[in-house]
PDB file of all heavy atoms in Angstrom:
ATOM      1  N   ILE A   1     103.517 105.589 109.619  1.00  0.00           N
ATOM      2  CA  ILE A   1     102.287 106.023 108.946  1.00  0.00           C
ATOM      3  C   ILE A   1     101.185 104.994 109.162  1.00  0.00           C
ATOM      4  O   ILE A   1     100.032 105.342 109.473  1.00  0.00           O
ATOM      5  CB  ILE A   1     102.556 106.247 107.444  1.00  0.00           C
ATOM      6  CG1 ILE A   1     103.436 107.483 107.245  1.00  0.00           C
ATOM      7  CG2 ILE A   1     101.249 106.403 106.668  1.00  0.00           C
ATOM      8  CD1 ILE A   1     103.991 107.628 105.837  1.00  0.00           C
ATOM      9  N   SER A   2     101.520 103.723 109.023  1.00  0.00           N
ATOM     10  CA  SER A   2     100.522 102.661 109.222  1.00  0.00           C
ATOM     11  C   SER A   2      99.942 102.715 110.632  1.00  0.00           C
ATOM     12  O   SER A   2      98.727 102.590 110.825  1.00  0.00           O
ATOM     13  CB  SER A   2     101.161 101.292 108.973  1.00  0.00           C
ATOM     14  OG  SER A   2     101.583 101.173 107.632  1.00  0.00           O
ATOM     15  N   ARG A   3     100.804 102.902 111.623  1.00  0.00           N
ATOM     16  CA  ARG A   3     100.326 102.950 113.017  1.00  0.00           C
ATOM     17  C   ARG A   3      99.438 104.163 113.259  1.00  0.00           C
ATOM     18  O   ARG A   3      98.387 104.060 113.903  1.00  0.00           O
ATOM     19  CB  ARG A   3     101.526 102.968 113.969  1.00  0.00           C
ATOM     20  CG  ARG A   3     102.284 101.647 114.014  1.00  0.00           C
ATOM     21  CD  ARG A   3     103.547 101.761 114.852  1.00  0.00           C
ATOM     22  NE  ARG A   3     104.284 100.493 114.899  1.00  0.00           N
ATOM     23  CZ  ARG A   3     105.500 100.361 115.370  1.00  0.00           C
ATOM     24  NH1 ARG A   3     106.150 101.422 115.868  1.00  0.00           N
ATOM     25  NH2 ARG A   3     106.104  99.178 115.373  1.00  0.00           N
ATOM     26  N   GLN A   4      99.882 105.320 112.752  1.00  0.00           N
ATOM     27  CA  GLN A   4      99.094 106.536 112.989  1.00  0.00           C
ATOM     28  C   GLN A   4      97.735 106.461 112.301  1.00  0.00           C
ATOM     29  O   GLN A   4      96.719 106.862 112.873  1.00  0.00           O
ATOM     30  CB  GLN A   4      99.868 107.759 112.490  1.00  0.00           C
ATOM     31  CG  GLN A   4     101.171 107.986 113.234  1.00  0.00           C
ATOM     32  CD  GLN A   4     101.351 109.433 113.684  1.00  0.00           C
ATOM     33  OE1 GLN A   4     100.409 110.190 113.789  1.00  0.00           O
ATOM     34  NE2 GLN A   4     102.585 109.795 113.955  1.00  0.00           N
ATOM     35  N   LEU A   5      97.709 105.943 111.090  1.00  0.00           N
ATOM     36  CA  LEU A   5      96.437 105.834 110.380  1.00  0.00           C
ATOM     37  C   LEU A   5      95.495 104.880 111.103  1.00  0.00           C
ATOM     38  O   LEU A   5      94.304 105.161 111.258  1.00  0.00           O
ATOM     39  CB  LEU A   5      96.675 105.344 108.949  1.00  0.00           C
ATOM     40  CG  LEU A   5      97.350 106.321 107.987  1.00  0.00           C
ATOM     41  CD1 LEU A   5      97.644 105.648 106.654  1.00  0.00           C
ATOM     42  CD2 LEU A   5      96.497 107.566 107.760  1.00  0.00           C
ATOM     43  N   GLN A   6      96.023 103.766 111.551  1.00  0.00           N
ATOM     44  CA  GLN A   6      95.176 102.742 112.157  1.00  0.00           C
ATOM     45  C   GLN A   6      94.673 103.130 113.543  1.00  0.00           C
ATOM     46  O   GLN A   6      93.556 102.759 113.921  1.00  0.00           O
ATOM     47  CB  GLN A   6      95.947 101.422 112.230  1.00  0.00           C
ATOM     48  CG  GLN A   6      95.065 100.203 112.400  1.00  0.00           C
ATOM     49  CD  GLN A   6      95.811  98.915 112.102  1.00  0.00           C
ATOM     50  OE1 GLN A   6      97.028  98.902 111.997  1.00  0.00           O
ATOM     51  NE2 GLN A   6      95.085  97.819 111.969  1.00  0.00           N
ATOM     52  N   PHE A   7      95.474 103.909 114.276  1.00  0.00           N
ATOM     53  CA  PHE A   7      95.114 104.147 115.674  1.00  0.00           C
ATOM     54  C   PHE A   7      94.733 105.584 116.012  1.00  0.00           C
ATOM     55  O   PHE A   7      94.193 105.827 117.096  1.00  0.00           O
ATOM     56  CB  PHE A   7      96.264 103.700 116.585  1.00  0.00           C
ATOM     57  CG  PHE A   7      96.595 102.241 116.448  1.00  0.00           C
ATOM     58  CD1 PHE A   7      97.835 101.834 115.982  1.00  0.00           C
ATOM     59  CD2 PHE A   7      95.658 101.264 116.753  1.00  0.00           C
ATOM     60  CE1 PHE A   7      98.140 100.492 115.841  1.00  0.00           C
ATOM     61  CE2 PHE A   7      95.949  99.916 116.620  1.00  0.00           C
ATOM     62  CZ  PHE A   7      97.189  99.518 116.158  1.00  0.00           C
ATOM     63  N   THR A   8      95.001 106.564 115.129  1.00  0.00           N
ATOM     64  CA  THR A   8      94.695 107.951 115.497  1.00  0.00           C
ATOM     65  C   THR A   8      93.818 108.683 114.486  1.00  0.00           C
ATOM     66  O   THR A   8      93.387 109.798 114.752  1.00  0.00           O
ATOM     67  CB  THR A   8      95.992 108.774 115.696  1.00  0.00           C
ATOM     68  OG1 THR A   8      96.681 108.897 114.441  1.00  0.00           O
ATOM     69  CG2 THR A   8      96.916 108.110 116.701  1.00  0.00           C
ATOM     70  N   HIS A   9      93.560 108.093 113.323  1.00  0.00           N
ATOM     71  CA  HIS A   9      92.700 108.763 112.343  1.00  0.00           C
ATOM     72  C   HIS A   9      91.247 108.737 112.805  1.00  0.00           C
ATOM     73  O   HIS A   9      90.819 107.838 113.533  1.00  0.00           O
ATOM     74  CB  HIS A   9      92.825 108.071 110.978  1.00  0.00           C
ATOM     75  CG  HIS A   9      92.243 108.859 109.849  1.00  0.00           C
ATOM     76  ND1 HIS A   9      90.886 108.892 109.586  1.00  0.00           N
ATOM     77  CD2 HIS A   9      92.831 109.650 108.916  1.00  0.00           C
ATOM     78  CE1 HIS A   9      90.667 109.674 108.540  1.00  0.00           C
ATOM     79  NE2 HIS A   9      91.830 110.146 108.111  1.00  0.00           N
ATOM     80  N   PHE A  10      90.485 109.738 112.383  1.00  0.00           N
ATOM     81  CA  PHE A  10      89.073 109.814 112.774  1.00  0.00           C
ATOM     82  C   PHE A  10      88.307 108.583 112.297  1.00  0.00           C
ATOM     83  O   PHE A  10      87.414 108.089 112.995  1.00  0.00           O
ATOM     84  CB  PHE A  10      88.443 111.081 112.178  1.00  0.00           C
ATOM     85  CG  PHE A  10      87.027 111.312 112.618  1.00  0.00           C
ATOM     86  CD1 PHE A  10      86.760 111.987 113.794  1.00  0.00           C
ATOM     87  CD2 PHE A  10      85.961 110.832 111.875  1.00  0.00           C
ATOM     88  CE1 PHE A  10      85.451 112.193 114.218  1.00  0.00           C
ATOM     89  CE2 PHE A  10      84.647 111.032 112.280  1.00  0.00           C
ATOM     90  CZ  PHE A  10      84.404 111.712 113.455  1.00  0.00           C
ATOM     91  N   ARG A  11      88.640 108.098 111.096  1.00  0.00           N
ATOM     92  CA  ARG A  11      87.955 106.917 110.560  1.00  0.00           C
ATOM     93  C   ARG A  11      88.624 105.658 111.107  1.00  0.00           C
ATOM     94  O   ARG A  11      89.813 105.455 110.932  1.00  0.00           O
ATOM     95  CB  ARG A  11      88.000 106.919 109.030  1.00  0.00           C
ATOM     96  CG  ARG A  11      87.532 105.625 108.397  1.00  0.00           C
ATOM     97  CD  ARG A  11      87.548 105.728 106.877  1.00  0.00           C
ATOM     98  NE  ARG A  11      86.251 106.131 106.385  1.00  0.00           N
ATOM     99  CZ  ARG A  11      86.029 106.663 105.179  1.00  0.00           C
ATOM    100  NH1 ARG A  11      87.050 106.886 104.370  1.00  0.00           N
ATOM    101  NH2 ARG A  11      84.810 106.994 104.800  1.00  0.00           N
ATOM    102  N   GLU A  12      87.843 104.816 111.753  1.00  0.00           N
ATOM    103  CA  GLU A  12      88.370 103.562 112.279  1.00  0.00           C
ATOM    104  C   GLU A  12      88.413 102.535 111.149  1.00  0.00           C
ATOM    105  O   GLU A  12      87.391 102.227 110.539  1.00  0.00           O
ATOM    106  CB  GLU A  12      87.495 103.055 113.429  1.00  0.00           C
ATOM    107  CG  GLU A  12      88.045 101.839 114.130  1.00  0.00           C
ATOM    108  CD  GLU A  12      87.206 101.428 115.321  1.00  0.00           C
ATOM    109  OE1 GLU A  12      86.338 102.213 115.744  1.00  0.00           O
ATOM    110  OE2 GLU A  12      87.421 100.314 115.825  1.00  0.00           O
ATOM    111  N   GLN A  13      89.601 102.023 110.864  1.00  0.00           N
ATOM    112  CA  GLN A  13      89.754 101.140 109.714  1.00  0.00           C
ATOM    113  C   GLN A  13      90.951 100.214 109.927  1.00  0.00           C
ATOM    114  O   GLN A  13      92.036 100.668 110.285  1.00  0.00           O
ATOM    115  CB  GLN A  13      89.969 101.998 108.456  1.00  0.00           C
ATOM    116  CG  GLN A  13      89.999 101.239 107.170  1.00  0.00           C
ATOM    117  CD  GLN A  13      89.922 102.180 105.977  1.00  0.00           C
ATOM    118  OE1 GLN A  13      89.118 101.998 105.095  1.00  0.00           O
ATOM    119  NE2 GLN A  13      90.749 103.201 105.945  1.00  0.00           N
ATOM    120  N   ARG A  14      90.764  98.948 109.687  1.00  0.00           N
ATOM    121  CA  ARG A  14      91.836  97.971 109.875  1.00  0.00           C
ATOM    122  C   ARG A  14      92.670  97.845 108.601  1.00  0.00           C
ATOM    123  O   ARG A  14      92.155  98.001 107.488  1.00  0.00           O
ATOM    124  CB  ARG A  14      91.247  96.605 110.227  1.00  0.00           C
ATOM    125  CG  ARG A  14      90.556  96.548 111.580  1.00  0.00           C
ATOM    126  CD  ARG A  14      90.002  95.155 111.819  1.00  0.00           C
ATOM    127  NE  ARG A  14      91.065  94.146 111.771  1.00  0.00           N
ATOM    128  CZ  ARG A  14      90.835  92.835 111.687  1.00  0.00           C
ATOM    129  NH1 ARG A  14      89.583  92.388 111.641  1.00  0.00           N
ATOM    130  NH2 ARG A  14      91.850  91.991 111.652  1.00  0.00           N
ATOM    131  N   ILE A  15      93.936  97.551 108.795  1.00  0.00           N
ATOM    132  CA  ILE A  15      94.809  97.233 107.662  1.00  0.00           C
ATOM    133  C   ILE A  15      94.770  95.718 107.495  1.00  0.00           C
ATOM    134  O   ILE A  15      95.422  94.972 108.236  1.00  0.00           O
ATOM    135  CB  ILE A  15      96.251  97.734 107.907  1.00  0.00           C
ATOM    136  CG1 ILE A  15      96.257  99.247 108.105  1.00  0.00           C
ATOM    137  CG2 ILE A  15      97.159  97.360 106.732  1.00  0.00           C
ATOM    138  CD1 ILE A  15      97.622  99.826 108.439  1.00  0.00           C
ATOM    139  N   ASP A  16      93.960  95.268 106.555  1.00  0.00           N
ATOM    140  CA  ASP A  16      93.781  93.834 106.338  1.00  0.00           C
ATOM    141  C   ASP A  16      93.777  93.535 104.845  1.00  0.00           C
ATOM    142  O   ASP A  16      94.085  94.409 104.023  1.00  0.00           O
ATOM    143  CB  ASP A  16      92.481  93.361 107.005  1.00  0.00           C
ATOM    144  CG  ASP A  16      91.261  94.163 106.557  1.00  0.00           C
ATOM    145  OD1 ASP A  16      91.343  94.847 105.503  1.00  0.00           O
ATOM    146  OD2 ASP A  16      90.224  94.118 107.231  1.00  0.00           O
ATOM    147  N   SER A  17      93.421  92.324 104.477  1.00  0.00           N
ATOM    148  CA  SER A  17      93.482  91.922 103.069  1.00  0.00           C
ATOM    149  C   SER A  17      92.495  92.709 102.210  1.00  0.00           C
ATOM    150  O   SER A  17      92.763  92.987 101.035  1.00  0.00           O
ATOM    151  CB  SER A  17      93.205  90.424 102.941  1.00  0.00           C
ATOM    152  OG  SER A  17      91.929  90.096 103.467  1.00  0.00           O
ATOM    153  N   GLU A  18      91.345  93.081 102.802  1.00  0.00           N
ATOM    154  CA  GLU A  18      90.369  93.875 102.044  1.00  0.00           C
ATOM    155  C   GLU A  18      90.943  95.260 101.738  1.00  0.00           C
ATOM    156  O   GLU A  18      90.822  95.765 100.618  1.00  0.00           O
ATOM    157  CB  GLU A  18      89.070  93.984 102.847  1.00  0.00           C
ATOM    158  CG  GLU A  18      87.924  94.674 102.116  1.00  0.00           C
ATOM    159  CD  GLU A  18      87.948  96.194 102.257  1.00  0.00           C
ATOM    160  OE1 GLU A  18      88.453  96.683 103.288  1.00  0.00           O
ATOM    161  OE2 GLU A  18      87.457  96.877 101.325  1.00  0.00           O
ATOM    162  N   LEU A  19      91.602  95.856 102.721  1.00  0.00           N
ATOM    163  CA  LEU A  19      92.224  97.155 102.488  1.00  0.00           C
ATOM    164  C   LEU A  19      93.393  97.014 101.513  1.00  0.00           C
ATOM    165  O   LEU A  19      93.650  97.901 100.698  1.00  0.00           O
ATOM    166  CB  LEU A  19      92.709  97.761 103.805  1.00  0.00           C
ATOM    167  CG  LEU A  19      93.250  99.184 103.621  1.00  0.00           C
ATOM    168  CD1 LEU A  19      92.373 100.189 104.345  1.00  0.00           C
ATOM    169  CD2 LEU A  19      94.679  99.314 104.116  1.00  0.00           C
ATOM    170  N   SER A  20      94.093  95.887 101.567  1.00  0.00           N
ATOM    171  CA  SER A  20      95.193  95.639 100.634  1.00  0.00           C
ATOM    172  C   SER A  20      94.709  95.750  99.189  1.00  0.00           C
ATOM    173  O   SER A  20      95.380  96.355  98.341  1.00  0.00           O
ATOM    174  CB  SER A  20      95.786  94.246 100.878  1.00  0.00           C
ATOM    175  OG  SER A  20      96.729  93.917  99.872  1.00  0.00           O
ATOM    176  N   GLU A  21      93.548  95.189  98.893  1.00  0.00           N
ATOM    177  CA  GLU A  21      92.999  95.263  97.541  1.00  0.00           C
ATOM    178  C   GLU A  21      92.733  96.709  97.142  1.00  0.00           C
ATOM    179  O   GLU A  21      93.002  97.113  96.003  1.00  0.00           O
ATOM    180  CB  GLU A  21      91.708  94.446  97.454  1.00  0.00           C
ATOM    181  CG  GLU A  21      91.907  92.960  97.646  1.00  0.00           C
ATOM    182  CD  GLU A  21      90.625  92.184  97.386  1.00  0.00           C
ATOM    183  OE1 GLU A  21      90.034  92.365  96.307  1.00  0.00           O
ATOM    184  OE2 GLU A  21      90.208  91.407  98.274  1.00  0.00           O
ATOM    185  N   ARG A  22      92.233  97.487  98.076  1.00  0.00           N
ATOM    186  CA  ARG A  22      91.929  98.887  97.776  1.00  0.00           C
ATOM    187  C   ARG A  22      93.206  99.704  97.589  1.00  0.00           C
ATOM    188  O   ARG A  22      93.257 100.597  96.736  1.00  0.00           O
ATOM    189  CB  ARG A  22      91.059  99.474  98.886  1.00  0.00           C
ATOM    190  CG  ARG A  22      89.664  98.847  98.950  1.00  0.00           C
ATOM    191  CD  ARG A  22      88.918  99.231 100.212  1.00  0.00           C
ATOM    192  NE  ARG A  22      88.825 100.664 100.347  1.00  0.00           N
ATOM    193  CZ  ARG A  22      88.783 101.314 101.509  1.00  0.00           C
ATOM    194  NH1 ARG A  22      88.851 100.630 102.645  1.00  0.00           N
ATOM    195  NH2 ARG A  22      88.686 102.617 101.544  1.00  0.00           N
ATOM    196  N   VAL A  23      94.245  99.413  98.394  1.00  0.00           N
ATOM    197  CA  VAL A  23      95.530 100.090  98.214  1.00  0.00           C
ATOM    198  C   VAL A  23      96.092  99.764  96.835  1.00  0.00           C
ATOM    199  O   VAL A  23      96.585 100.642  96.114  1.00  0.00           O
ATOM    200  CB  VAL A  23      96.538  99.669  99.304  1.00  0.00           C
ATOM    201  CG1 VAL A  23      97.919 100.245  99.001  1.00  0.00           C
ATOM    202  CG2 VAL A  23      96.085 100.130 100.680  1.00  0.00           C
ATOM    203  N   PHE A  24      96.025  98.497  96.467  1.00  0.00           N
ATOM    204  CA  PHE A  24      96.529  98.047  95.170  1.00  0.00           C
ATOM    205  C   PHE A  24      95.855  98.833  94.040  1.00  0.00           C
ATOM    206  O   PHE A  24      96.524  99.389  93.163  1.00  0.00           O
ATOM    207  CB  PHE A  24      96.247  96.547  95.033  1.00  0.00           C
ATOM    208  CG  PHE A  24      96.735  95.932  93.752  1.00  0.00           C
ATOM    209  CD1 PHE A  24      98.042  95.492  93.628  1.00  0.00           C
ATOM    210  CD2 PHE A  24      95.885  95.773  92.674  1.00  0.00           C
ATOM    211  CE1 PHE A  24      98.491  94.913  92.449  1.00  0.00           C
ATOM    212  CE2 PHE A  24      96.321  95.197  91.489  1.00  0.00           C
ATOM    213  CZ  PHE A  24      97.631  94.763  91.375  1.00  0.00           C
ATOM    214  N   ASP A  25      94.528  98.909  94.068  1.00  0.00           N
ATOM    215  CA  ASP A  25      93.799  99.626  93.020  1.00  0.00           C
ATOM    216  C   ASP A  25      94.083 101.125  93.056  1.00  0.00           C
ATOM    217  O   ASP A  25      94.226 101.773  92.013  1.00  0.00           O
ATOM    218  CB  ASP A  25      92.289  99.380  93.161  1.00  0.00           C
ATOM    219  CG  ASP A  25      91.899  97.945  92.820  1.00  0.00           C
ATOM    220  OD1 ASP A  25      92.646  97.297  92.061  1.00  0.00           O
ATOM    221  OD2 ASP A  25      90.859  97.475  93.323  1.00  0.00           O
ATOM    222  N   ALA A  26      94.165 101.686  94.271  1.00  0.00           N
ATOM    223  CA  ALA A  26      94.410 103.131  94.400  1.00  0.00           C
ATOM    224  C   ALA A  26      95.797 103.499  93.885  1.00  0.00           C
ATOM    225  O   ALA A  26      95.985 104.557  93.269  1.00  0.00           O
ATOM    226  CB  ALA A  26      94.259 103.566  95.859  1.00  0.00           C
ATOM    227  N   TYR A  27      96.771 102.643  94.129  1.00  0.00           N
ATOM    228  CA  TYR A  27      98.138 102.900  93.677  1.00  0.00           C
ATOM    229  C   TYR A  27      98.219 102.851  92.148  1.00  0.00           C
ATOM    230  O   TYR A  27      98.811 103.729  91.513  1.00  0.00           O
ATOM    231  CB  TYR A  27      99.075 101.872  94.303  1.00  0.00           C
ATOM    232  CG  TYR A  27     100.544 102.115  94.039  1.00  0.00           C
ATOM    233  CD1 TYR A  27     101.094 103.393  94.066  1.00  0.00           C
ATOM    234  CD2 TYR A  27     101.407 101.045  93.800  1.00  0.00           C
ATOM    235  CE1 TYR A  27     102.450 103.612  93.849  1.00  0.00           C
ATOM    236  CE2 TYR A  27     102.765 101.246  93.595  1.00  0.00           C
ATOM    237  CZ  TYR A  27     103.275 102.531  93.606  1.00  0.00           C
ATOM    238  OH  TYR A  27     104.618 102.736  93.394  1.00  0.00           O
ATOM    239  N   LEU A  28      97.595 101.838  91.551  1.00  0.00           N
ATOM    240  CA  LEU A  28      97.558 101.770  90.085  1.00  0.00           C
ATOM    241  C   LEU A  28      96.832 102.978  89.512  1.00  0.00           C
ATOM    242  O   LEU A  28      97.246 103.542  88.486  1.00  0.00           O
ATOM    243  CB  LEU A  28      96.867 100.482  89.634  1.00  0.00           C
ATOM    244  CG  LEU A  28      97.596  99.162  89.920  1.00  0.00           C
ATOM    245  CD1 LEU A  28      96.780  97.982  89.404  1.00  0.00           C
ATOM    246  CD2 LEU A  28      98.986  99.159  89.305  1.00  0.00           C
ATOM    247  N   ASP A  29      95.760 103.394  90.188  1.00  0.00           N
ATOM    248  CA  ASP A  29      95.004 104.553  89.718  1.00  0.00           C
ATOM    249  C   ASP A  29      95.831 105.825  89.822  1.00  0.00           C
ATOM    250  O   ASP A  29      95.765 106.700  88.967  1.00  0.00           O
ATOM    251  CB  ASP A  29      93.711 104.682  90.523  1.00  0.00           C
ATOM    252  CG  ASP A  29      92.813 105.785  89.989  1.00  0.00           C
ATOM    253  OD1 ASP A  29      92.450 105.734  88.795  1.00  0.00           O
ATOM    254  OD2 ASP A  29      92.489 106.713  90.747  1.00  0.00           O
ATOM    255  N   GLN A  30      96.621 105.933  90.897  1.00  0.00           N
ATOM    256  CA  GLN A  30      97.454 107.116  91.050  1.00  0.00           C
ATOM    257  C   GLN A  30      98.552 107.176  89.991  1.00  0.00           C
ATOM    258  O   GLN A  30      98.863 108.241  89.462  1.00  0.00           O
ATOM    259  CB  GLN A  30      98.081 107.147  92.446  1.00  0.00           C
ATOM    260  CG  GLN A  30      98.890 108.394  92.712  1.00  0.00           C
ATOM    261  CD  GLN A  30      98.940 108.768  94.187  1.00  0.00           C
ATOM    262  OE1 GLN A  30      99.990 108.995  94.726  1.00  0.00           O
ATOM    263  NE2 GLN A  30      97.800 108.824  94.843  1.00  0.00           N
ATOM    264  N   LEU A  31      99.111 106.029  89.655  1.00  0.00           N
ATOM    265  CA  LEU A  31     100.160 105.995  88.647  1.00  0.00           C
ATOM    266  C   LEU A  31      99.593 106.122  87.236  1.00  0.00           C
ATOM    267  O   LEU A  31     100.123 106.871  86.413  1.00  0.00           O
ATOM    268  CB  LEU A  31     100.961 104.690  88.771  1.00  0.00           C
ATOM    269  CG  LEU A  31     101.788 104.493  90.034  1.00  0.00           C
ATOM    270  CD1 LEU A  31     102.440 103.119  90.024  1.00  0.00           C
ATOM    271  CD2 LEU A  31     102.845 105.585  90.189  1.00  0.00           C
ATOM    272  N   ASP A  32      98.538 105.388  86.946  1.00  0.00           N
ATOM    273  CA  ASP A  32      98.031 105.294  85.575  1.00  0.00           C
ATOM    274  C   ASP A  32      96.512 105.351  85.578  1.00  0.00           C
ATOM    275  O   ASP A  32      95.832 104.428  85.119  1.00  0.00           O
ATOM    276  CB  ASP A  32      98.532 103.986  84.935  1.00  0.00           C
ATOM    277  CG  ASP A  32      98.259 103.925  83.436  1.00  0.00           C
ATOM    278  OD1 ASP A  32      97.879 104.958  82.858  1.00  0.00           O
ATOM    279  OD2 ASP A  32      98.434 102.838  82.846  1.00  0.00           O
ATOM    280  N   GLY A  33      95.982 106.469  86.085  1.00  0.00           N
ATOM    281  CA  GLY A  33      94.534 106.616  86.222  1.00  0.00           C
ATOM    282  C   GLY A  33      93.783 106.592  84.908  1.00  0.00           C
ATOM    283  O   GLY A  33      92.602 106.226  84.864  1.00  0.00           O
TER     284      GLY A  33
END
């Protein structure tokens, strides 16, 4: 999933520390929005 998102999705986006913060917040929001 990580490879497909990074290399084939229409939106060009790196998996880096900035994205890590957003994943962290999105996951907490999904569990306990």
